[in-house]
N, C-alpha and C. Protein backbone atom coordinates (compact mmCIF):
# COMPACT_ATOMS: atom_id res chain seq x y z
N MET A 1 207.21 134.03 81.91
CA MET A 1 206.33 134.53 80.45
C MET A 1 205.29 133.78 80.47
N GLU A 2 204.07 134.36 80.93
CA GLU A 2 203.10 133.20 80.67
C GLU A 2 203.02 132.96 79.05
N SER A 3 202.30 131.52 79.05
CA SER A 3 202.09 130.70 77.58
C SER A 3 201.08 131.43 76.72
N ARG A 4 201.39 131.54 75.49
CA ARG A 4 200.30 132.03 74.97
C ARG A 4 199.20 131.22 74.55
N ILE A 5 199.40 129.74 74.84
CA ILE A 5 198.27 128.91 74.73
C ILE A 5 197.29 128.86 75.86
N ALA A 6 197.48 129.45 77.07
CA ALA A 6 196.84 129.66 77.74
C ALA A 6 195.22 130.78 77.36
N ALA A 7 195.48 131.44 76.47
CA ALA A 7 194.52 132.13 75.77
C ALA A 7 194.07 132.03 74.22
N LEU A 8 194.39 130.85 74.26
CA LEU A 8 194.12 130.47 72.63
C LEU A 8 192.61 129.27 72.79
N ILE A 9 191.68 129.47 71.97
CA ILE A 9 190.62 128.57 71.76
C ILE A 9 190.79 128.14 70.18
N VAL A 10 190.20 126.87 70.61
CA VAL A 10 190.11 126.51 69.09
C VAL A 10 188.81 125.74 68.99
N CYS A 11 188.26 125.35 67.73
CA CYS A 11 186.90 125.07 67.62
C CYS A 11 187.31 123.56 67.35
N CYS A 12 186.51 122.77 68.25
CA CYS A 12 186.29 120.99 67.84
C CYS A 12 185.12 120.56 67.25
N SER A 13 185.31 119.72 66.21
CA SER A 13 183.87 118.89 65.65
C SER A 13 184.31 117.76 66.27
N PHE A 14 183.50 117.09 66.71
CA PHE A 14 183.61 115.42 66.93
C PHE A 14 182.60 114.92 66.29
N GLY A 15 183.67 114.30 65.10
CA GLY A 15 183.22 113.15 64.34
C GLY A 15 182.02 113.95 63.19
N LEU A 16 182.20 115.20 63.20
CA LEU A 16 181.50 116.10 62.13
C LEU A 16 182.58 116.75 60.93
N ALA A 17 181.86 117.19 60.36
CA ALA A 17 182.81 117.90 59.40
C ALA A 17 183.08 119.29 60.31
N PRO A 18 184.26 119.86 59.71
CA PRO A 18 184.51 121.35 60.91
C PRO A 18 183.44 122.28 60.05
N VAL A 19 183.28 123.06 60.99
CA VAL A 19 181.95 124.00 61.01
C VAL A 19 182.73 125.01 60.31
N ALA A 20 181.81 125.77 59.07
CA ALA A 20 182.28 126.55 58.22
C ALA A 20 182.72 127.67 58.86
N GLY A 21 183.79 128.53 58.84
CA GLY A 21 184.06 129.83 59.21
C GLY A 21 184.03 129.72 60.87
N ALA A 22 184.36 128.99 61.21
CA ALA A 22 184.65 128.52 62.90
C ALA A 22 186.25 128.92 63.36
N VAL A 23 186.73 128.86 64.45
CA VAL A 23 187.89 129.60 64.43
C VAL A 23 189.06 128.88 64.72
N ASP A 24 189.30 128.21 63.26
CA ASP A 24 190.63 127.31 62.78
C ASP A 24 191.55 127.71 63.39
N ALA A 25 191.92 129.29 63.14
CA ALA A 25 193.18 130.05 63.22
C ALA A 25 193.23 129.97 64.90
N GLY A 26 192.02 129.81 65.49
CA GLY A 26 192.47 130.20 67.17
C GLY A 26 191.87 131.63 67.34
N PHE A 27 191.39 131.91 68.94
CA PHE A 27 191.08 133.20 69.06
C PHE A 27 191.61 133.31 70.10
N ASP A 28 192.15 134.90 70.44
CA ASP A 28 193.37 135.13 71.63
C ASP A 28 192.02 135.99 72.33
N LEU A 29 191.95 135.55 73.18
CA LEU A 29 191.12 135.80 74.46
C LEU A 29 191.42 137.51 74.77
N ARG A 30 193.02 137.45 74.94
CA ARG A 30 193.16 138.77 75.39
C ARG A 30 193.12 140.00 74.39
N GLY A 31 193.19 139.79 73.16
CA GLY A 31 192.68 140.82 72.41
C GLY A 31 190.91 140.78 71.85
N SER A 32 190.39 140.43 73.01
CA SER A 32 188.99 140.30 72.54
C SER A 32 188.03 140.43 73.55
N ASP A 33 186.42 140.38 73.65
CA ASP A 33 186.01 140.57 74.78
C ASP A 33 184.68 139.74 74.95
N PRO A 34 184.07 139.81 76.05
CA PRO A 34 182.56 138.43 75.80
C PRO A 34 181.95 138.56 74.79
N SER A 35 181.57 140.02 74.57
CA SER A 35 180.75 139.88 73.28
C SER A 35 181.17 139.30 71.69
N LYS A 36 182.67 139.62 71.72
CA LYS A 36 183.12 139.08 70.02
C LYS A 36 183.13 137.40 70.52
N LEU A 37 183.41 136.63 72.00
CA LEU A 37 183.31 135.59 71.91
C LEU A 37 182.08 134.80 71.79
N LEU A 38 180.55 135.34 72.26
CA LEU A 38 179.44 135.58 72.07
C LEU A 38 179.52 135.09 70.63
N ASP A 39 180.11 136.14 69.76
CA ASP A 39 179.68 136.05 68.37
C ASP A 39 180.41 134.86 67.90
N VAL A 40 181.50 134.28 68.14
CA VAL A 40 182.32 133.47 67.71
C VAL A 40 181.04 132.05 68.28
N LEU A 41 180.77 131.90 69.28
CA LEU A 41 179.81 130.82 69.80
C LEU A 41 178.96 130.68 69.08
N VAL A 42 177.98 131.75 68.77
CA VAL A 42 176.83 131.56 67.55
C VAL A 42 177.29 131.15 66.32
N HIS A 43 178.16 131.54 65.82
CA HIS A 43 179.21 131.36 64.63
C HIS A 43 179.41 130.05 64.50
N GLY A 44 180.27 129.49 65.16
CA GLY A 44 180.58 127.85 65.05
C GLY A 44 179.68 126.93 65.86
N ASN A 45 178.90 127.40 65.73
CA ASN A 45 177.53 126.46 66.49
C ASN A 45 177.25 125.25 65.25
N SER A 46 177.52 124.29 65.77
CA SER A 46 176.81 123.16 64.77
C SER A 46 176.69 121.82 65.80
N ARG A 47 176.22 120.86 65.90
CA ARG A 47 175.93 119.59 66.75
C ARG A 47 177.69 118.98 66.66
N GLY A 48 177.51 119.00 68.20
CA GLY A 48 178.96 118.47 68.57
C GLY A 48 180.07 119.79 68.59
N ALA A 49 179.66 120.88 68.15
CA ALA A 49 180.91 121.87 68.28
C ALA A 49 181.27 122.47 69.57
N VAL A 50 182.30 122.52 70.39
CA VAL A 50 182.52 123.08 71.31
C VAL A 50 183.72 123.84 71.27
N VAL A 51 184.09 124.96 72.02
CA VAL A 51 185.35 125.82 71.91
C VAL A 51 185.89 125.54 73.13
N THR A 52 187.29 124.99 73.22
CA THR A 52 188.05 124.93 74.14
C THR A 52 189.24 126.03 74.48
N ILE A 53 189.31 125.89 75.60
CA ILE A 53 190.35 127.17 76.14
C ILE A 53 191.42 126.54 77.14
N GLY A 54 192.65 126.82 76.54
CA GLY A 54 193.49 126.06 77.17
C GLY A 54 193.85 126.19 78.52
N GLU A 55 193.85 127.43 79.48
CA GLU A 55 194.01 127.61 80.56
C GLU A 55 193.02 128.79 80.76
N PRO A 56 192.51 128.99 82.15
CA PRO A 56 191.89 130.18 82.35
C PRO A 56 192.70 131.54 82.30
N VAL A 57 191.81 132.98 82.11
CA VAL A 57 192.33 134.04 81.88
C VAL A 57 192.17 134.56 82.95
N LYS A 58 192.88 135.14 83.60
CA LYS A 58 192.70 135.99 84.93
C LYS A 58 191.84 137.23 84.78
N ASN A 59 190.96 137.63 85.30
CA ASN A 59 190.10 138.92 85.17
C ASN A 59 189.72 139.21 83.75
N TRP A 60 189.64 138.31 82.70
CA TRP A 60 189.33 138.77 81.17
C TRP A 60 188.01 139.03 81.48
N VAL A 61 187.04 139.04 82.05
CA VAL A 61 185.43 139.48 82.31
C VAL A 61 185.67 140.64 82.88
N GLN A 62 185.12 141.72 82.47
CA GLN A 62 185.62 142.82 83.20
C GLN A 62 183.79 143.63 83.75
N GLU A 63 183.66 144.43 84.70
CA GLU A 63 182.91 145.26 85.27
C GLU A 63 181.71 145.38 83.97
N LYS A 64 182.29 146.19 83.21
CA LYS A 64 181.51 146.78 82.18
C LYS A 64 181.34 146.07 81.14
N ASP A 65 181.50 144.44 81.20
CA ASP A 65 180.62 143.78 80.60
C ASP A 65 179.20 143.17 80.80
N LEU A 66 179.09 143.65 82.61
CA LEU A 66 178.06 143.26 82.81
C LEU A 66 176.69 143.16 82.93
N PRO A 67 176.42 144.70 82.29
CA PRO A 67 175.56 145.14 81.98
C PRO A 67 174.08 143.96 80.92
N LYS A 68 175.51 143.94 79.51
CA LYS A 68 175.00 143.34 78.69
C LYS A 68 174.55 141.71 78.98
N LEU A 69 175.85 141.34 79.44
CA LEU A 69 175.53 140.37 80.26
C LEU A 69 174.23 139.25 81.03
N ILE A 70 173.97 140.34 81.64
CA ILE A 70 172.31 140.33 82.56
C ILE A 70 171.48 140.10 81.69
N LEU A 71 171.74 141.20 80.76
CA LEU A 71 170.35 141.26 79.70
C LEU A 71 170.08 139.97 79.17
N LEU A 72 171.40 139.05 78.68
CA LEU A 72 171.41 138.04 77.92
C LEU A 72 171.12 136.59 78.42
N LEU A 73 170.92 136.94 79.71
CA LEU A 73 170.69 135.46 80.15
C LEU A 73 169.50 134.63 80.02
N ASP A 74 168.52 135.39 79.34
CA ASP A 74 167.38 134.52 79.22
C ASP A 74 167.43 134.18 77.50
N SER A 75 168.39 134.72 76.85
CA SER A 75 168.33 134.19 75.43
C SER A 75 168.93 133.12 75.31
N PRO A 76 167.98 132.34 74.16
CA PRO A 76 167.40 131.05 73.71
C PRO A 76 168.36 130.36 72.89
N VAL A 77 168.93 131.10 71.98
CA VAL A 77 169.78 131.67 70.71
C VAL A 77 171.02 130.19 71.17
N PRO A 78 170.87 128.74 70.16
CA PRO A 78 171.72 128.20 70.27
C PRO A 78 173.30 128.70 69.89
N CYS A 79 174.44 127.92 71.11
CA CYS A 79 175.41 128.26 70.49
C CYS A 79 176.38 127.03 71.10
N ALA A 80 177.77 127.12 70.71
CA ALA A 80 178.71 126.14 71.28
C ALA A 80 179.13 126.21 72.18
N PRO A 81 179.27 125.34 73.42
CA PRO A 81 179.84 125.31 74.49
C PRO A 81 180.95 125.90 74.77
N VAL A 82 181.41 126.25 75.77
CA VAL A 82 182.91 126.19 76.58
C VAL A 82 183.55 125.08 77.23
N VAL A 83 184.90 124.69 77.09
CA VAL A 83 185.50 124.01 78.18
C VAL A 83 186.91 124.09 77.98
N LEU A 84 187.34 123.74 78.99
CA LEU A 84 188.72 123.78 79.34
C LEU A 84 189.37 122.67 78.97
N ALA A 85 190.48 122.69 78.39
CA ALA A 85 191.06 121.56 77.40
C ALA A 85 191.11 120.14 78.23
N ARG A 86 191.39 120.80 80.13
CA ARG A 86 191.65 118.98 80.67
C ARG A 86 189.95 118.92 81.28
N SER A 87 189.28 119.24 80.42
CA SER A 87 187.68 118.79 80.93
C SER A 87 187.34 117.40 80.17
N SER A 88 186.90 116.42 80.84
CA SER A 88 187.16 115.18 80.15
C SER A 88 185.19 114.92 79.88
N PHE A 89 184.46 116.12 80.42
CA PHE A 89 183.32 116.27 79.80
C PHE A 89 183.10 117.35 78.56
N LEU A 90 182.49 116.69 77.72
CA LEU A 90 182.38 117.74 76.73
C LEU A 90 180.58 118.23 76.06
N PRO A 91 180.32 119.46 77.11
CA PRO A 91 178.41 119.35 76.29
C PRO A 91 178.46 119.42 74.97
N GLU A 92 177.20 119.03 74.54
CA GLU A 92 176.68 119.04 73.13
C GLU A 92 176.30 120.04 72.68
N VAL A 93 174.95 121.02 73.52
CA VAL A 93 174.91 122.02 73.27
C VAL A 93 174.66 123.24 74.24
N SER A 94 174.64 124.21 73.67
CA SER A 94 174.26 125.36 74.88
C SER A 94 173.64 126.42 74.41
N SER A 95 173.10 127.88 74.94
CA SER A 95 172.58 128.81 74.70
C SER A 95 173.53 130.13 74.72
N ILE A 96 172.88 130.86 74.59
CA ILE A 96 173.56 132.48 74.66
C ILE A 96 173.37 132.66 76.30
N GLY A 97 172.18 132.36 76.45
CA GLY A 97 171.85 132.98 77.97
C GLY A 97 172.68 131.85 79.10
N GLU A 98 173.02 130.61 78.71
CA GLU A 98 173.87 129.76 79.33
C GLU A 98 175.29 130.50 79.76
N GLN A 99 175.78 131.29 78.38
CA GLN A 99 177.27 131.02 78.11
C GLN A 99 177.55 132.43 78.98
N ALA A 100 176.03 133.23 78.85
CA ALA A 100 176.06 134.70 79.46
C ALA A 100 176.39 134.30 81.14
N ALA A 101 175.62 133.64 81.55
CA ALA A 101 175.74 133.07 82.95
C ALA A 101 177.03 132.77 83.21
N PHE A 102 177.74 131.93 82.11
CA PHE A 102 179.24 131.33 82.54
C PHE A 102 180.02 132.30 82.36
N LEU A 103 180.23 133.79 81.81
CA LEU A 103 180.83 134.54 81.89
C LEU A 103 180.68 135.44 83.01
N ILE A 104 179.49 135.82 83.68
CA ILE A 104 179.30 136.31 85.20
C ILE A 104 179.77 135.56 85.80
N LEU A 105 179.62 134.44 85.75
CA LEU A 105 180.64 133.33 86.86
C LEU A 105 181.80 133.55 86.95
N GLY A 106 182.12 133.93 85.65
CA GLY A 106 183.97 134.19 85.71
C GLY A 106 184.42 135.32 85.86
N PHE A 107 183.55 136.59 85.99
CA PHE A 107 183.56 137.62 86.43
C PHE A 107 184.06 137.62 87.74
N ARG A 108 183.04 136.90 88.45
CA ARG A 108 182.78 136.53 89.83
C ARG A 108 183.60 135.90 90.72
N ALA A 109 184.15 134.84 89.94
CA ALA A 109 185.69 133.92 90.25
C ALA A 109 187.28 134.64 89.92
N GLY A 110 187.04 135.50 88.96
CA GLY A 110 188.04 136.25 88.94
C GLY A 110 188.91 135.32 87.79
N LYS A 111 188.37 134.90 87.23
CA LYS A 111 189.04 133.94 85.81
C LYS A 111 188.07 133.47 84.72
N TYR A 112 188.61 133.53 83.67
CA TYR A 112 187.72 132.54 82.65
C TYR A 112 188.28 131.72 82.08
N PRO A 113 187.60 130.38 81.52
CA PRO A 113 186.50 130.18 82.36
C PRO A 113 186.64 129.87 83.69
N PRO A 114 185.56 129.98 84.70
CA PRO A 114 185.26 130.15 85.93
C PRO A 114 185.69 127.97 86.00
N ASP A 115 185.37 127.33 85.51
CA ASP A 115 184.88 126.06 86.19
C ASP A 115 185.56 125.43 84.28
N LEU A 116 185.37 123.93 84.58
CA LEU A 116 185.80 122.71 83.70
C LEU A 116 184.70 122.97 82.07
N HIS A 117 183.42 122.88 82.62
CA HIS A 117 182.95 123.37 81.21
C HIS A 117 182.04 124.23 81.83
N SER A 118 180.89 125.00 80.31
CA SER A 118 180.03 125.58 80.61
C SER A 118 178.41 124.96 80.65
N GLY A 119 178.72 123.42 79.96
CA GLY A 119 177.37 122.78 80.62
C GLY A 119 176.05 123.31 80.70
N ARG A 120 175.21 122.56 80.81
CA ARG A 120 173.86 123.30 81.07
C ARG A 120 173.74 124.07 82.39
N MET A 121 173.24 125.41 81.90
CA MET A 121 173.31 125.85 83.55
C MET A 121 171.80 126.16 84.13
N PRO A 122 171.13 125.13 85.44
CA PRO A 122 170.16 125.19 86.14
C PRO A 122 170.07 126.21 86.48
N PRO A 123 168.23 126.76 86.46
CA PRO A 123 167.83 127.83 86.48
C PRO A 123 168.03 128.70 87.93
N ASP A 124 168.36 127.92 88.82
CA ASP A 124 168.48 128.66 89.84
C ASP A 124 169.59 129.34 90.16
N VAL A 125 170.72 128.64 89.21
CA VAL A 125 172.21 129.54 88.98
C VAL A 125 171.73 131.09 88.43
N LYS A 126 171.07 131.10 87.52
CA LYS A 126 170.67 132.75 86.91
C LYS A 126 169.85 133.13 87.69
N ASP A 127 168.76 132.34 88.75
CA ASP A 127 168.23 133.61 89.86
C ASP A 127 169.00 133.58 90.57
N GLU A 128 170.40 133.30 90.69
CA GLU A 128 170.77 133.52 92.13
C GLU A 128 172.23 134.71 91.67
N ILE A 129 172.72 134.64 89.96
CA ILE A 129 173.04 135.66 89.30
C ILE A 129 171.89 137.24 89.66
N ARG A 130 170.81 136.96 89.30
CA ARG A 130 170.04 138.11 89.55
C ARG A 130 169.93 138.57 90.38
N ALA A 131 169.95 137.85 91.66
CA ALA A 131 169.95 138.17 93.09
C ALA A 131 171.53 139.02 93.50
N TRP A 132 172.21 138.51 92.70
CA TRP A 132 173.79 138.98 92.99
C TRP A 132 173.97 140.33 92.28
N TRP A 133 173.18 140.27 91.12
CA TRP A 133 173.04 141.73 90.30
C TRP A 133 172.13 142.52 91.21
N ALA A 134 171.15 142.11 91.54
CA ALA A 134 170.24 143.46 92.06
C ALA A 134 171.09 143.88 93.32
N ALA A 135 171.62 142.82 94.41
CA ALA A 135 172.46 143.55 95.51
C ALA A 135 173.26 144.35 94.81
N ARG A 136 173.86 144.11 94.41
CA ARG A 136 175.26 145.07 93.44
C ARG A 136 175.12 146.37 93.16
N LYS A 137 173.73 146.39 92.31
CA LYS A 137 173.58 147.80 91.83
C LYS A 137 173.27 148.54 93.17
N ARG A 138 172.81 148.32 94.45
CA ARG A 138 172.22 149.44 95.24
C ARG A 138 173.18 149.89 95.43
């Protein structure tokens, strides 16, 4: 039986007061979708806030999510970053555009999150995602 902890997300504040309205009770990936996660990341955003996921979930980001995520790649709207619980690096800031790219990388990897942390997304990664998307649409 798969552990429910793999799909649990908790929002942590490092040395700061808890974020009002953050995900204190947890957030189950399996009962949600990337749009809802992005909403949680924006509303849980405060300096030092990070959303932690216990273990990656296979095939969580779906093909139907991709068009919206592609449109969000350039969004500068600040939000909390995402990390796996075993990550030793905790990014302090992120944006919706970076998280959209991280979600797309998760689709391509067949698991979300696809890496230990979302961190800062280099511009060439977004360019590569756009090229991949253009080729995929042909």
